[in-house]
């Protein structure tokens, strides 16, 4: 009888150990929470090759090509001087994401910022 109780207790502990914490959000395997933290800055075109310029959440600048895979399995679908589109991956919601270009062509030449006058 004691052996049955020990076996049942072990089985119960094993089953409970495999359950996830109901108060913890489910894992974000598609990294959709990171989408808003990336910034598309524009495109550099040379003859037939175009390179997109993005800034990741860590503030690093990255050069991307059409078809390249980014963090979380995102794939660069297309980009132009105004926007960049990615596919987030199979089973991810949203399936596609689009970033609009930020900044302006001659932004470095302007005073920038919004200081009180």
N, C-alpha and C. Protein backbone atom coordinates (compact mmCIF):
# COMPACT_ATOMS: atom_id res chain seq x y z
N UNK A 1 0.82 -1.18 0.00
CA UNK A 1 0.00 0.00 0.00
C UNK A 1 0.87 1.26 0.00
N UNK A 2 1.93 1.24 0.78
CA UNK A 2 2.83 2.39 0.84
C UNK A 2 3.53 2.58 -0.49
N UNK A 3 3.85 1.50 -1.18
CA UNK A 3 4.52 1.60 -2.48
C UNK A 3 3.60 2.26 -3.50
N UNK A 4 2.29 1.96 -3.42
CA UNK A 4 1.34 2.57 -4.34
C UNK A 4 1.25 4.08 -4.09
N UNK A 5 1.26 4.47 -2.83
CA UNK A 5 1.20 5.90 -2.48
C UNK A 5 2.44 6.64 -2.98
N UNK A 6 3.59 6.02 -2.81
CA UNK A 6 4.84 6.64 -3.26
C UNK A 6 4.84 6.76 -4.78
N UNK A 7 4.40 5.71 -5.47
CA UNK A 7 4.34 5.75 -6.93
C UNK A 7 3.35 6.81 -7.40
N UNK A 8 2.20 6.90 -6.75
CA UNK A 8 1.20 7.91 -7.12
C UNK A 8 1.73 9.31 -6.85
N UNK A 9 2.43 9.47 -5.72
CA UNK A 9 3.01 10.78 -5.40
C UNK A 9 4.06 11.18 -6.43
N UNK A 10 4.91 10.25 -6.82
CA UNK A 10 5.94 10.54 -7.83
C UNK A 10 5.29 10.90 -9.16
N UNK A 11 4.27 10.16 -9.54
CA UNK A 11 3.57 10.44 -10.79
C UNK A 11 2.92 11.83 -10.75
N UNK A 12 2.32 12.16 -9.63
CA UNK A 12 1.68 13.47 -9.47
C UNK A 12 2.72 14.60 -9.54
N UNK A 13 3.86 14.42 -8.90
CA UNK A 13 4.92 15.43 -8.94
C UNK A 13 5.43 15.61 -10.37
N UNK A 14 5.62 14.51 -11.09
CA UNK A 14 6.09 14.60 -12.47
C UNK A 14 5.08 15.33 -13.35
N UNK A 15 3.81 15.06 -13.16
CA UNK A 15 2.78 15.73 -13.97
C UNK A 15 2.72 17.22 -13.65
N UNK A 16 2.81 17.57 -12.39
CA UNK A 16 2.75 18.98 -12.01
C UNK A 16 4.00 19.74 -12.43
N UNK A 17 5.12 19.07 -12.45
CA UNK A 17 6.37 19.74 -12.84
C UNK A 17 6.35 20.14 -14.31
N UNK A 18 5.59 19.44 -15.13
CA UNK A 18 5.53 19.74 -16.55
C UNK A 18 4.56 20.86 -16.89
N UNK A 19 3.73 21.27 -15.96
CA UNK A 19 2.75 22.32 -16.23
C UNK A 19 3.44 23.68 -16.20
N UNK A 20 2.96 24.59 -17.05
CA UNK A 20 3.53 25.94 -17.06
C UNK A 20 2.85 26.80 -16.01
N UNK A 21 3.52 27.86 -15.62
CA UNK A 21 3.01 28.82 -14.66
C UNK A 21 1.84 29.57 -15.30
N UNK A 22 0.64 29.50 -14.73
CA UNK A 22 -0.50 30.17 -15.36
C UNK A 22 -0.42 31.69 -15.29
N UNK A 23 0.43 32.23 -14.44
CA UNK A 23 0.56 33.68 -14.31
C UNK A 23 1.67 34.25 -15.20
N UNK A 24 2.43 33.38 -15.79
CA UNK A 24 3.52 33.81 -16.68
C UNK A 24 2.99 33.79 -18.12
N UNK A 25 3.25 34.85 -18.89
CA UNK A 25 2.77 34.83 -20.28
C UNK A 25 3.43 33.72 -21.07
N UNK A 26 2.72 33.19 -22.07
CA UNK A 26 3.32 32.12 -22.87
C UNK A 26 4.56 32.62 -23.60
N UNK A 27 5.49 31.74 -23.91
CA UNK A 27 6.72 32.17 -24.59
C UNK A 27 6.41 32.78 -25.96
N UNK A 28 7.14 33.82 -26.29
CA UNK A 28 6.94 34.56 -27.55
C UNK A 28 7.93 34.03 -28.57
N UNK A 29 7.67 32.86 -29.13
CA UNK A 29 8.62 32.24 -30.06
C UNK A 29 8.76 33.03 -31.35
N UNK A 30 7.74 33.81 -31.71
CA UNK A 30 7.80 34.62 -32.94
C UNK A 30 8.39 36.00 -32.67
N UNK A 31 8.62 36.33 -31.43
CA UNK A 31 9.20 37.62 -31.01
C UNK A 31 8.38 38.81 -31.51
N UNK A 32 7.04 38.67 -31.55
CA UNK A 32 6.20 39.76 -32.04
C UNK A 32 6.25 40.97 -31.12
N UNK A 33 6.57 40.78 -29.86
CA UNK A 33 6.69 41.92 -28.95
C UNK A 33 7.88 42.80 -29.31
N UNK A 34 8.83 42.26 -30.06
CA UNK A 34 10.02 43.02 -30.47
C UNK A 34 9.81 43.82 -31.75
N UNK A 35 8.74 43.55 -32.48
CA UNK A 35 8.53 44.19 -33.78
C UNK A 35 8.54 45.71 -33.70
N UNK A 36 7.88 46.27 -32.69
CA UNK A 36 7.78 47.72 -32.57
C UNK A 36 9.10 48.36 -32.16
N UNK A 37 10.06 47.56 -31.73
CA UNK A 37 11.34 48.10 -31.27
C UNK A 37 12.37 48.24 -32.39
N UNK A 38 12.08 47.71 -33.56
CA UNK A 38 12.96 47.83 -34.72
C UNK A 38 12.56 49.08 -35.49
N UNK A 39 13.52 49.71 -36.16
CA UNK A 39 13.26 50.96 -36.89
C UNK A 39 13.89 50.88 -38.27
N UNK A 40 13.07 51.15 -39.28
CA UNK A 40 13.56 51.17 -40.66
C UNK A 40 14.01 52.58 -40.99
N UNK A 41 15.25 52.72 -41.43
CA UNK A 41 15.82 54.04 -41.69
C UNK A 41 15.93 54.37 -43.18
N UNK A 42 15.85 53.38 -44.05
CA UNK A 42 15.91 53.67 -45.48
C UNK A 42 16.63 52.60 -46.26
N UNK A 43 16.95 52.95 -47.50
CA UNK A 43 17.57 52.00 -48.42
C UNK A 43 18.74 52.66 -49.13
N UNK A 44 19.75 51.87 -49.40
CA UNK A 44 20.90 52.31 -50.19
C UNK A 44 20.90 51.45 -51.45
N UNK A 45 20.85 52.09 -52.61
CA UNK A 45 20.81 51.35 -53.88
C UNK A 45 22.11 51.53 -54.64
N UNK A 46 22.62 50.42 -55.15
CA UNK A 46 23.82 50.42 -55.98
C UNK A 46 23.57 49.53 -57.17
N UNK A 47 23.65 50.06 -58.35
CA UNK A 47 23.37 49.36 -59.61
C UNK A 47 22.11 48.48 -59.47
N UNK A 48 22.28 47.18 -59.28
CA UNK A 48 21.11 46.30 -59.19
C UNK A 48 20.85 45.82 -57.77
N UNK A 49 21.76 46.05 -56.86
CA UNK A 49 21.60 45.57 -55.49
C UNK A 49 21.11 46.70 -54.59
N UNK A 50 20.15 46.38 -53.73
CA UNK A 50 19.64 47.35 -52.76
C UNK A 50 19.85 46.79 -51.36
N UNK A 51 20.19 47.66 -50.43
CA UNK A 51 20.42 47.27 -49.05
C UNK A 51 19.54 48.12 -48.15
N UNK A 52 18.75 47.46 -47.30
CA UNK A 52 17.93 48.18 -46.34
C UNK A 52 18.73 48.44 -45.07
N UNK A 53 18.44 49.57 -44.43
CA UNK A 53 19.13 49.94 -43.19
C UNK A 53 18.10 49.93 -42.06
N UNK A 54 18.34 49.11 -41.03
CA UNK A 54 17.44 49.03 -39.88
C UNK A 54 18.25 49.17 -38.59
N UNK A 55 17.55 49.59 -37.54
CA UNK A 55 18.16 49.67 -36.21
C UNK A 55 17.42 48.69 -35.32
N UNK A 56 18.16 47.78 -34.67
CA UNK A 56 17.54 46.76 -33.83
C UNK A 56 17.27 47.31 -32.44
N UNK A 57 16.60 46.54 -31.56
CA UNK A 57 16.27 47.03 -30.22
C UNK A 57 17.48 47.42 -29.38
N UNK A 58 18.65 46.85 -29.66
CA UNK A 58 19.87 47.19 -28.92
C UNK A 58 20.51 48.47 -29.44
N UNK A 59 19.94 49.06 -30.51
CA UNK A 59 20.48 50.29 -31.06
C UNK A 59 21.54 50.08 -32.12
N UNK A 60 21.80 48.82 -32.50
CA UNK A 60 22.80 48.53 -33.53
C UNK A 60 22.18 48.71 -34.91
N UNK A 61 22.97 49.27 -35.82
CA UNK A 61 22.55 49.42 -37.21
C UNK A 61 22.83 48.14 -37.95
N UNK A 62 21.90 47.72 -38.79
CA UNK A 62 22.07 46.50 -39.57
C UNK A 62 21.75 46.77 -41.03
N UNK A 63 22.50 46.11 -41.89
CA UNK A 63 22.22 46.13 -43.33
C UNK A 63 21.49 44.84 -43.66
N UNK A 64 20.38 44.94 -44.37
CA UNK A 64 19.59 43.75 -44.70
C UNK A 64 19.35 43.68 -46.20
N UNK A 65 19.22 42.48 -46.69
CA UNK A 65 18.94 42.21 -48.10
C UNK A 65 17.58 41.51 -48.21
N UNK A 66 16.96 41.62 -49.37
CA UNK A 66 15.71 40.93 -49.62
C UNK A 66 15.94 39.42 -49.48
N UNK A 67 15.06 38.74 -48.73
CA UNK A 67 15.18 37.31 -48.51
C UNK A 67 15.99 36.94 -47.28
N UNK A 68 16.65 37.91 -46.65
CA UNK A 68 17.47 37.64 -45.47
C UNK A 68 16.58 37.31 -44.28
N UNK A 69 17.08 36.48 -43.37
CA UNK A 69 16.35 36.12 -42.16
C UNK A 69 16.89 36.92 -40.99
N UNK A 70 15.97 37.56 -40.26
CA UNK A 70 16.32 38.35 -39.09
C UNK A 70 15.99 37.58 -37.82
N UNK A 71 16.09 38.25 -36.68
CA UNK A 71 15.80 37.63 -35.38
C UNK A 71 14.40 37.03 -35.37
N UNK A 72 14.24 35.94 -34.66
CA UNK A 72 12.93 35.33 -34.52
C UNK A 72 12.43 34.64 -35.77
N UNK A 73 13.29 34.47 -36.77
CA UNK A 73 12.87 33.82 -38.00
C UNK A 73 12.15 34.74 -38.97
N UNK A 74 12.20 36.05 -38.72
CA UNK A 74 11.56 37.00 -39.64
C UNK A 74 12.32 36.99 -40.96
N UNK A 75 11.60 37.07 -42.07
CA UNK A 75 12.22 37.09 -43.39
C UNK A 75 11.88 38.40 -44.09
N UNK A 76 12.90 39.07 -44.61
CA UNK A 76 12.70 40.33 -45.33
C UNK A 76 12.04 40.01 -46.66
N UNK A 77 10.82 40.53 -46.86
CA UNK A 77 10.07 40.27 -48.09
C UNK A 77 10.43 41.30 -49.15
N UNK A 78 10.36 42.58 -48.78
CA UNK A 78 10.71 43.64 -49.72
C UNK A 78 10.92 44.94 -48.97
N UNK A 79 11.61 45.87 -49.61
CA UNK A 79 11.76 47.21 -49.06
C UNK A 79 11.99 48.18 -50.20
N UNK A 80 11.63 49.42 -49.95
CA UNK A 80 11.87 50.50 -50.90
C UNK A 80 12.22 51.74 -50.09
N UNK A 81 12.22 52.90 -50.71
CA UNK A 81 12.65 54.09 -49.98
C UNK A 81 11.65 54.51 -48.91
N UNK A 82 10.43 54.00 -48.95
CA UNK A 82 9.41 54.40 -47.98
C UNK A 82 9.12 53.39 -46.88
N UNK A 83 9.26 52.09 -47.16
CA UNK A 83 8.88 51.08 -46.17
C UNK A 83 9.61 49.77 -46.39
N UNK A 84 9.53 48.92 -45.35
CA UNK A 84 10.11 47.58 -45.40
C UNK A 84 9.07 46.60 -44.88
N UNK A 85 8.89 45.48 -45.59
CA UNK A 85 7.93 44.45 -45.17
C UNK A 85 8.68 43.17 -44.85
N UNK A 86 8.21 42.50 -43.77
CA UNK A 86 8.78 41.21 -43.39
C UNK A 86 7.66 40.20 -43.21
N UNK A 87 8.00 38.93 -43.30
CA UNK A 87 7.11 37.82 -42.95
C UNK A 87 7.60 37.31 -41.60
N UNK A 88 6.70 37.22 -40.63
CA UNK A 88 7.11 36.85 -39.27
C UNK A 88 7.32 35.35 -39.09
N UNK A 89 6.81 34.54 -39.97
CA UNK A 89 7.03 33.10 -39.86
C UNK A 89 5.73 32.33 -39.79
N UNK A 90 5.84 31.04 -40.00
CA UNK A 90 4.66 30.19 -40.00
C UNK A 90 4.06 30.09 -38.61
N UNK A 91 2.77 30.27 -38.51
CA UNK A 91 2.08 30.17 -37.23
C UNK A 91 2.17 31.42 -36.37
N UNK A 92 2.80 32.46 -36.87
CA UNK A 92 2.93 33.70 -36.10
C UNK A 92 1.80 34.66 -36.47
N UNK A 93 1.38 35.44 -35.51
CA UNK A 93 0.34 36.44 -35.73
C UNK A 93 0.87 37.77 -35.27
N UNK A 94 0.98 38.77 -36.09
CA UNK A 94 0.57 38.85 -37.48
C UNK A 94 1.56 38.11 -38.39
N UNK A 95 1.08 37.68 -39.54
CA UNK A 95 1.92 36.93 -40.47
C UNK A 95 2.91 37.84 -41.19
N UNK A 96 2.55 39.10 -41.38
CA UNK A 96 3.41 40.08 -42.05
C UNK A 96 3.47 41.34 -41.19
N UNK A 97 4.57 42.08 -41.30
CA UNK A 97 4.75 43.32 -40.56
C UNK A 97 5.39 44.33 -41.50
N UNK A 98 5.05 45.59 -41.32
CA UNK A 98 5.58 46.64 -42.18
C UNK A 98 6.10 47.78 -41.32
N UNK A 99 7.31 48.23 -41.61
CA UNK A 99 7.88 49.41 -40.97
C UNK A 99 7.92 50.54 -41.98
N UNK A 100 7.49 51.71 -41.58
CA UNK A 100 7.63 52.91 -42.41
C UNK A 100 9.01 53.50 -42.14
N UNK A 101 9.57 54.15 -43.16
CA UNK A 101 10.89 54.77 -43.00
C UNK A 101 10.77 55.92 -42.00
N UNK A 102 11.76 56.02 -41.13
CA UNK A 102 11.82 57.09 -40.14
C UNK A 102 12.90 58.08 -40.53
N UNK A 103 12.73 59.33 -40.14
CA UNK A 103 13.73 60.34 -40.44
C UNK A 103 13.51 60.91 -41.82
N UNK A 104 14.39 61.84 -42.20
CA UNK A 104 14.29 62.45 -43.52
C UNK A 104 15.65 62.41 -44.20
N UNK A 105 15.67 62.75 -45.46
CA UNK A 105 16.91 62.62 -46.24
C UNK A 105 18.03 63.49 -45.70
N UNK A 106 17.73 64.71 -45.29
CA UNK A 106 18.76 65.63 -44.81
C UNK A 106 18.62 65.90 -43.31
N UNK A 107 18.21 64.90 -42.57
CA UNK A 107 17.96 65.07 -41.15
C UNK A 107 19.21 65.49 -40.38
N UNK A 108 20.37 65.01 -40.78
CA UNK A 108 21.60 65.35 -40.08
C UNK A 108 21.92 66.83 -40.18
N UNK A 109 21.40 67.52 -41.21
CA UNK A 109 21.67 68.94 -41.39
C UNK A 109 20.72 69.84 -40.62
N UNK A 110 19.66 69.28 -40.06
CA UNK A 110 18.70 70.11 -39.32
C UNK A 110 19.10 70.17 -37.86
N UNK A 111 18.52 71.12 -37.14
CA UNK A 111 18.86 71.29 -35.73
C UNK A 111 18.36 70.12 -34.91
N UNK A 112 17.23 69.53 -35.33
CA UNK A 112 16.70 68.35 -34.65
C UNK A 112 16.27 68.66 -33.23
N UNK A 113 15.69 67.68 -32.59
CA UNK A 113 15.26 67.84 -31.21
C UNK A 113 14.08 68.79 -31.09
N UNK A 114 13.54 68.86 -29.90
CA UNK A 114 12.43 69.77 -29.65
C UNK A 114 12.71 70.52 -28.36
N UNK A 115 13.64 71.43 -28.41
CA UNK A 115 14.02 72.20 -27.24
C UNK A 115 13.11 73.41 -27.10
N UNK A 116 12.81 73.83 -25.87
CA UNK A 116 11.98 75.03 -25.69
C UNK A 116 12.71 76.25 -26.21
N UNK A 117 11.95 77.21 -26.75
CA UNK A 117 12.59 78.40 -27.32
C UNK A 117 12.41 79.60 -26.45
